PDB file of N, CA and C in Angstrom:
ATOM      1  N   UNK A   1     125.863 181.999  73.530  1.00  0.00           N
ATOM      2  CA  UNK A   1     125.462 182.711  72.064  1.00  0.00           C
ATOM      3  C   UNK A   1     124.929 184.106  72.390  1.00  0.00           C
ATOM      4  N   UNK A   2     126.124 184.840  72.208  1.00  0.00           N
ATOM      5  CA  UNK A   2     125.961 186.345  72.609  1.00  0.00           C
ATOM      6  C   UNK A   2     124.610 187.127  71.590  1.00  0.00           C
ATOM      7  N   UNK A   3     124.712 186.491  70.478  1.00  0.00           N
ATOM      8  CA  UNK A   3     124.317 187.180  69.103  1.00  0.00           C
ATOM      9  C   UNK A   3     122.816 186.605  68.940  1.00  0.00           C
ATOM     10  N   UNK A   4     122.574 185.592  69.518  1.00  0.00           N
ATOM     11  CA  UNK A   4     121.197 185.100  69.470  1.00  0.00           C
ATOM     12  C   UNK A   4     120.357 185.123  70.348  1.00  0.00           C
ATOM     13  N   UNK A   5     118.742 185.328  70.497  1.00  0.00           N
ATOM     14  CA  UNK A   5     118.297 185.488  71.429  1.00  0.00           C
ATOM     15  C   UNK A   5     117.125 184.132  71.735  1.00  0.00           C
ATOM     16  N   UNK A   6     117.026 183.723  70.257  1.00  0.00           N
ATOM     17  CA  UNK A   6     116.036 182.595  70.053  1.00  0.00           C
ATOM     18  C   UNK A   6     116.561 181.627  68.598  1.00  0.00           C
ATOM     19  N   UNK A   7     116.715 180.321  68.604  1.00  0.00           N
ATOM     20  CA  UNK A   7     116.689 179.706  67.864  1.00  0.00           C
ATOM     21  C   UNK A   7     115.394 178.822  67.601  1.00  0.00           C
ATOM     22  N   UNK A   8     114.849 178.848  66.132  1.00  0.00           N
ATOM     23  CA  UNK A   8     114.000 178.126  66.029  1.00  0.00           C
ATOM     24  C   UNK A   8     114.255 176.957  65.272  1.00  0.00           C
ATOM     25  N   UNK A   9     113.695 175.412  66.078  1.00  0.00           N
ATOM     26  CA  UNK A   9     113.941 174.509  65.302  1.00  0.00           C
ATOM     27  C   UNK A   9     112.764 173.635  64.616  1.00  0.00           C
ATOM     28  N   UNK A  10     112.671 174.047  63.487  1.00  0.00           N
ATOM     29  CA  UNK A  10     111.805 173.260  62.496  1.00  0.00           C
ATOM     30  C   UNK A  10     112.057 171.868  62.585  1.00  0.00           C
ATOM     31  N   UNK A  11     111.275 170.622  62.995  1.00  0.00           N
ATOM     32  CA  UNK A  11     111.853 169.477  62.711  1.00  0.00           C
ATOM     33  C   UNK A  11     111.222 168.805  61.411  1.00  0.00           C
ATOM     34  N   UNK A  12     111.710 167.594  61.006  1.00  0.00           N
ATOM     35  CA  UNK A  12     111.161 167.124  59.703  1.00  0.00           C
ATOM     36  C   UNK A  12     109.703 166.392  60.812  1.00  0.00           C
ATOM     37  N   UNK A  13     108.814 166.424  59.941  1.00  0.00           N
ATOM     38  CA  UNK A  13     107.183 165.765  60.556  1.00  0.00           C
ATOM     39  C   UNK A  13     107.141 164.840  59.887  1.00  0.00           C
ATOM     40  N   UNK A  14     106.292 164.006  60.656  1.00  0.00           N
ATOM     41  CA  UNK A  14     105.693 162.662  59.693  1.00  0.00           C
ATOM     42  C   UNK A  14     104.326 162.703  60.245  1.00  0.00           C
ATOM     43  N   UNK A  15     103.804 162.453  58.814  1.00  0.00           N
ATOM     44  CA  UNK A  15     104.391 162.463  57.396  1.00  0.00           C
ATOM     45  C   UNK A  15     105.217 163.723  57.143  1.00  0.00           C
ATOM     46  N   UNK A  16     106.041 163.638  56.681  1.00  0.00           N
ATOM     47  CA  UNK A  16     107.039 164.569  56.120  1.00  0.00           C
ATOM     48  C   UNK A  16     106.464 165.582  55.234  1.00  0.00           C
ATOM     49  N   UNK A  17     106.496 167.004  55.542  1.00  0.00           N
ATOM     50  CA  UNK A  17     105.629 167.886  54.410  1.00  0.00           C
ATOM     51  C   UNK A  17     106.608 168.272  53.385  1.00  0.00           C
ATOM     52  N   UNK A  18     107.643 168.052  52.920  1.00  0.00           N
ATOM     53  CA  UNK A  18     108.411 168.143  52.051  1.00  0.00           C
ATOM     54  C   UNK A  18     107.867 167.176  51.112  1.00  0.00           C
ATOM     55  N   UNK A  19     107.287 167.339  49.869  1.00  0.00           N
ATOM     56  CA  UNK A  19     106.748 166.454  48.903  1.00  0.00           C
ATOM     57  C   UNK A  19     108.045 166.320  48.157  1.00  0.00           C
ATOM     58  N   UNK A  20     107.821 165.024  47.188  1.00  0.00           N
ATOM     59  CA  UNK A  20     108.627 164.805  45.899  1.00  0.00           C
ATOM     60  C   UNK A  20     110.789 164.616  46.748  1.00  0.00           C
ATOM     61  N   UNK A  21     110.494 164.420  47.798  1.00  0.00           N
ATOM     62  CA  UNK A  21     111.972 163.841  48.197  1.00  0.00           C
ATOM     63  C   UNK A  21     112.517 162.842  47.683  1.00  0.00           C
ATOM     64  N   UNK A  22     113.616 162.702  46.819  1.00  0.00           N
ATOM     65  CA  UNK A  22     113.978 161.284  46.418  1.00  0.00           C
ATOM     66  C   UNK A  22     114.758 160.749  47.961  1.00  0.00           C
ATOM     67  N   UNK A  23     114.578 159.211  47.474  1.00  0.00           N
ATOM     68  CA  UNK A  23     114.523 158.409  49.187  1.00  0.00           C
ATOM     69  C   UNK A  23     116.041 158.864  49.505  1.00  0.00           C
ATOM     70  N   UNK A  24     117.460 159.063  48.696  1.00  0.00           N
ATOM     71  CA  UNK A  24     118.334 159.293  49.383  1.00  0.00           C
ATOM     72  C   UNK A  24     118.445 160.652  50.251  1.00  0.00           C
ATOM     73  N   UNK A  25     117.560 161.350  49.637  1.00  0.00           N
ATOM     74  CA  UNK A  25     117.601 162.861  50.214  1.00  0.00           C
ATOM     75  C   UNK A  25     116.842 162.659  51.723  1.00  0.00           C
ATOM     76  N   UNK A  26     115.513 161.888  51.387  1.00  0.00           N
ATOM     77  CA  UNK A  26     114.733 161.487  52.700  1.00  0.00           C
ATOM     78  C   UNK A  26     115.742 161.260  53.776  1.00  0.00           C
ATOM     79  N   UNK A  27     116.501 159.937  53.338  1.00  0.00           N
ATOM     80  CA  UNK A  27     117.168 159.818  54.613  1.00  0.00           C
ATOM     81  C   UNK A  27     118.487 161.038  55.212  1.00  0.00           C
ATOM     82  N   UNK A  28     119.006 161.419  54.052  1.00  0.00           N
ATOM     83  CA  UNK A  28     120.017 162.402  54.375  1.00  0.00           C
ATOM     84  C   UNK A  28     118.915 163.595  55.740  1.00  0.00           C
ATOM     85  N   UNK A  29     117.861 164.134  55.065  1.00  0.00           N
ATOM     86  CA  UNK A  29     116.815 164.941  56.099  1.00  0.00           C
ATOM     87  C   UNK A  29     116.810 164.185  57.076  1.00  0.00           C
ATOM     88  N   UNK A  30     116.415 162.735  57.487  1.00  0.00           N
ATOM     89  CA  UNK A  30     116.185 162.289  58.796  1.00  0.00           C
ATOM     90  C   UNK A  30     117.197 162.117  59.866  1.00  0.00           C
ATOM     91  N   UNK A  31     118.609 162.037  59.271  1.00  0.00           N
ATOM     92  CA  UNK A  31     120.088 162.139  60.146  1.00  0.00           C
ATOM     93  C   UNK A  31     120.020 163.304  60.229  1.00  0.00           C
ATOM     94  N   UNK A  32     119.745 164.137  59.434  1.00  0.00           N
ATOM     95  CA  UNK A  32     120.037 165.803  59.579  1.00  0.00           C
ATOM     96  C   UNK A  32     119.429 166.191  60.813  1.00  0.00           C
ATOM     97  N   UNK A  33     117.980 166.178  60.671  1.00  0.00           N
ATOM     98  CA  UNK A  33     117.048 166.130  61.763  1.00  0.00           C
ATOM     99  C   UNK A  33     117.514 165.566  63.291  1.00  0.00           C
ATOM    100  N   UNK A  34     117.619 164.482  63.256  1.00  0.00           N
ATOM    101  CA  UNK A  34     118.371 163.808  64.251  1.00  0.00           C
ATOM    102  C   UNK A  34     119.312 164.398  64.670  1.00  0.00           C
ATOM    103  N   UNK A  35     120.715 164.869  64.093  1.00  0.00           N
ATOM    104  CA  UNK A  35     121.761 165.608  64.481  1.00  0.00           C
ATOM    105  C   UNK A  35     121.336 167.125  65.232  1.00  0.00           C
ATOM    106  N   UNK A  36     120.503 167.914  64.856  1.00  0.00           N
ATOM    107  CA  UNK A  36     119.984 168.998  64.731  1.00  0.00           C
ATOM    108  C   UNK A  36     118.887 168.933  66.364  1.00  0.00           C
ATOM    109  N   UNK A  37     118.123 167.875  66.171  1.00  0.00           N
ATOM    110  CA  UNK A  37     117.780 167.659  67.518  1.00  0.00           C
ATOM    111  C   UNK A  37     118.559 167.531  68.554  1.00  0.00           C
ATOM    112  N   UNK A  38     119.619 166.705  68.283  1.00  0.00           N
ATOM    113  CA  UNK A  38     120.402 166.502  69.295  1.00  0.00           C
ATOM    114  C   UNK A  38     121.605 167.589  69.950  1.00  0.00           C
ATOM    115  N   UNK A  39     121.739 168.338  69.190  1.00  0.00           N
ATOM    116  CA  UNK A  39     122.554 169.381  69.584  1.00  0.00           C
ATOM    117  C   UNK A  39     121.792 170.832  69.768  1.00  0.00           C
ATOM    118  N   UNK A  40     120.687 170.968  69.150  1.00  0.00           N
ATOM    119  CA  UNK A  40     119.930 172.223  69.928  1.00  0.00           C
ATOM    120  C   UNK A  40     119.005 171.902  70.745  1.00  0.00           C
ATOM    121  N   UNK A  41     117.909 170.657  70.807  1.00  0.00           N
ATOM    122  CA  UNK A  41     117.173 170.422  72.122  1.00  0.00           C
ATOM    123  C   UNK A  41     117.967 169.193  72.898  1.00  0.00           C
ATOM    124  N   UNK A  42     118.686 168.635  72.952  1.00  0.00           N
ATOM    125  CA  UNK A  42     119.258 167.992  73.842  1.00  0.00           C
ATOM    126  C   UNK A  42     120.927 168.679  74.350  1.00  0.00           C
ATOM    127  N   UNK A  43     121.137 169.648  73.850  1.00  0.00           N
ATOM    128  CA  UNK A  43     122.362 170.716  74.214  1.00  0.00           C
ATOM    129  C   UNK A  43     123.389 169.833  74.201  1.00  0.00           C
ATOM    130  N   UNK A  44     123.931 169.023  73.456  1.00  0.00           N
ATOM    131  CA  UNK A  44     124.859 167.769  73.106  1.00  0.00           C
ATOM    132  C   UNK A  44     125.946 168.609  73.528  1.00  0.00           C
ATOM    133  N   UNK A  45     126.110 170.090  72.686  1.00  0.00           N
ATOM    134  CA  UNK A  45     127.387 170.699  72.731  1.00  0.00           C
ATOM    135  C   UNK A  45     127.807 171.797  74.419  1.00  0.00           C
ATOM    136  N   UNK A  46     126.375 171.632  75.027  1.00  0.00           N
ATOM    137  CA  UNK A  46     126.618 172.366  76.066  1.00  0.00           C
ATOM    138  C   UNK A  46     126.410 173.918  75.856  1.00  0.00           C
ATOM    139  N   UNK A  47     125.863 174.636  74.834  1.00  0.00           N
ATOM    140  CA  UNK A  47     126.130 175.695  74.887  1.00  0.00           C
ATOM    141  C   UNK A  47     124.980 176.404  75.168  1.00  0.00           C
ATOM    142  N   UNK A  48     123.807 176.230  75.675  1.00  0.00           N
ATOM    143  CA  UNK A  48     123.078 176.481  76.617  1.00  0.00           C
ATOM    144  C   UNK A  48     122.427 177.915  75.798  1.00  0.00           C
ATOM    145  N   UNK A  49     121.697 177.820  74.826  1.00  0.00           N
ATOM    146  CA  UNK A  49     121.079 178.979  73.929  1.00  0.00           C
ATOM    147  C   UNK A  49     119.441 178.298  74.007  1.00  0.00           C
ATOM    148  N   UNK A  50     118.620 179.332  73.998  1.00  0.00           N
ATOM    149  CA  UNK A  50     117.210 179.172  73.991  1.00  0.00           C
ATOM    150  C   UNK A  50     116.702 178.734  72.428  1.00  0.00           C
ATOM    151  N   UNK A  51     116.137 177.796  72.703  1.00  0.00           N
ATOM    152  CA  UNK A  51     115.716 177.093  71.288  1.00  0.00           C
ATOM    153  C   UNK A  51     114.129 176.331  71.594  1.00  0.00           C
ATOM    154  N   UNK A  52     113.792 176.761  70.679  1.00  0.00           N
ATOM    155  CA  UNK A  52     112.330 176.894  70.387  1.00  0.00           C
ATOM    156  C   UNK A  52     111.861 176.101  69.060  1.00  0.00           C
ATOM    157  N   UNK A  53     110.816 174.658  69.499  1.00  0.00           N
ATOM    158  CA  UNK A  53     110.615 173.550  68.513  1.00  0.00           C
ATOM    159  C   UNK A  53     109.161 174.336  67.852  1.00  0.00           C
ATOM    160  N   UNK A  54     108.950 174.352  66.918  1.00  0.00           N
ATOM    161  CA  UNK A  54     107.779 174.398  66.294  1.00  0.00           C
ATOM    162  C   UNK A  54     107.431 173.280  65.393  1.00  0.00           C
ATOM    163  N   UNK A  55     106.116 173.335  65.546  1.00  0.00           N
ATOM    164  CA  UNK A  55     105.393 172.015  64.197  1.00  0.00           C
ATOM    165  C   UNK A  55     104.130 172.528  64.331  1.00  0.00           C
ATOM    166  N   UNK A  56     103.353 171.810  62.939  1.00  0.00           N
ATOM    167  CA  UNK A  56     101.884 172.494  62.444  1.00  0.00           C
ATOM    168  C   UNK A  56     102.327 172.983  61.313  1.00  0.00           C
ATOM    169  N   UNK A  57     100.894 173.446  61.103  1.00  0.00           N
ATOM    170  CA  UNK A  57     100.909 174.265  59.841  1.00  0.00           C
ATOM    171  C   UNK A  57     101.807 175.523  59.940  1.00  0.00           C
ATOM    172  N   UNK A  58     102.529 175.975  58.451  1.00  0.00           N
ATOM    173  CA  UNK A  58     102.772 177.481  58.295  1.00  0.00           C
ATOM    174  C   UNK A  58     102.669 178.297  59.328  1.00  0.00           C
ATOM    175  N   UNK A  59     101.117 178.777  59.375  1.00  0.00           N
ATOM    176  CA  UNK A  59     100.349 179.728  60.421  1.00  0.00           C
ATOM    177  C   UNK A  59     100.399 179.481  61.663  1.00  0.00           C
ATOM    178  N   UNK A  60     100.630 178.403  62.234  1.00  0.00           N
ATOM    179  CA  UNK A  60     100.637 177.749  63.513  1.00  0.00           C
ATOM    180  C   UNK A  60     101.913 177.635  63.900  1.00  0.00           C
ATOM    181  N   UNK A  61     102.961 177.525  63.160  1.00  0.00           N
ATOM    182  CA  UNK A  61     104.464 177.687  63.524  1.00  0.00           C
ATOM    183  C   UNK A  61     104.754 178.999  64.027  1.00  0.00           C
ATOM    184  N   UNK A  62     104.382 180.021  62.885  1.00  0.00           N
ATOM    185  CA  UNK A  62     104.385 181.212  62.961  1.00  0.00           C
ATOM    186  C   UNK A  62     103.797 182.134  64.139  1.00  0.00           C
ATOM    187  N   UNK A  63     102.690 181.278  64.554  1.00  0.00           N
ATOM    188  CA  UNK A  63     102.100 181.833  65.980  1.00  0.00           C
ATOM    189  C   UNK A  63     103.157 181.114  66.974  1.00  0.00           C
ATOM    190  N   UNK A  64     103.696 180.484  67.275  1.00  0.00           N
ATOM    191  CA  UNK A  64     104.480 179.748  67.919  1.00  0.00           C
ATOM    192  C   UNK A  64     105.695 180.435  68.389  1.00  0.00           C
ATOM    193  N   UNK A  65     106.061 181.055  67.137  1.00  0.00           N
ATOM    194  CA  UNK A  65     107.470 181.538  67.238  1.00  0.00           C
ATOM    195  C   UNK A  65     107.289 183.397  67.808  1.00  0.00           C
ATOM    196  N   UNK A  66     105.849 184.012  67.193  1.00  0.00           N
ATOM    197  CA  UNK A  66     105.251 185.388  67.870  1.00  0.00           C
ATOM    198  C   UNK A  66     105.195 185.168  69.355  1.00  0.00           C
ATOM    199  N   UNK A  67     104.639 184.414  69.245  1.00  0.00           N
ATOM    200  CA  UNK A  67     104.000 184.191  70.780  1.00  0.00           C
ATOM    201  C   UNK A  67     105.158 184.151  71.913  1.00  0.00           C
ATOM    202  N   UNK A  68     106.518 183.093  71.240  1.00  0.00           N
ATOM    203  CA  UNK A  68     107.709 183.126  72.251  1.00  0.00           C
ATOM    204  C   UNK A  68     108.267 184.730  72.246  1.00  0.00           C
ATOM    205  N   UNK A  69     108.084 185.390  71.095  1.00  0.00           N
ATOM    206  CA  UNK A  69     109.211 186.344  71.073  1.00  0.00           C
ATOM    207  C   UNK A  69     108.662 187.819  71.489  1.00  0.00           C
ATOM    208  N   UNK A  70     107.211 187.802  71.974  1.00  0.00           N
ATOM    209  CA  UNK A  70     106.529 188.754  72.476  1.00  0.00           C
ATOM    210  C   UNK A  70     106.784 188.879  73.830  1.00  0.00           C
ATOM    211  N   UNK A  71     106.992 189.929  74.349  1.00  0.00           N
ATOM    212  CA  UNK A  71     107.460 190.023  75.834  1.00  0.00           C
ATOM    213  C   UNK A  71     106.217 189.876  76.597  1.00  0.00           C
TER     214      UNK A  71
END
């Protein structure tokens, strides 16, 4: 990926931080999360891009990204 320096993966957390998700949507979110995890973190397509998985509160996630972005 010549145009991306970093991909930030924000997984579905347990418990899910998104409130009021319909049951069908919750299952879809879980499946998309699994697919993205496999493609991005497990490099299923052998793209070799730099991926950062962030967890925690919004502030903690921002700190993780900024810490990685700083030289």
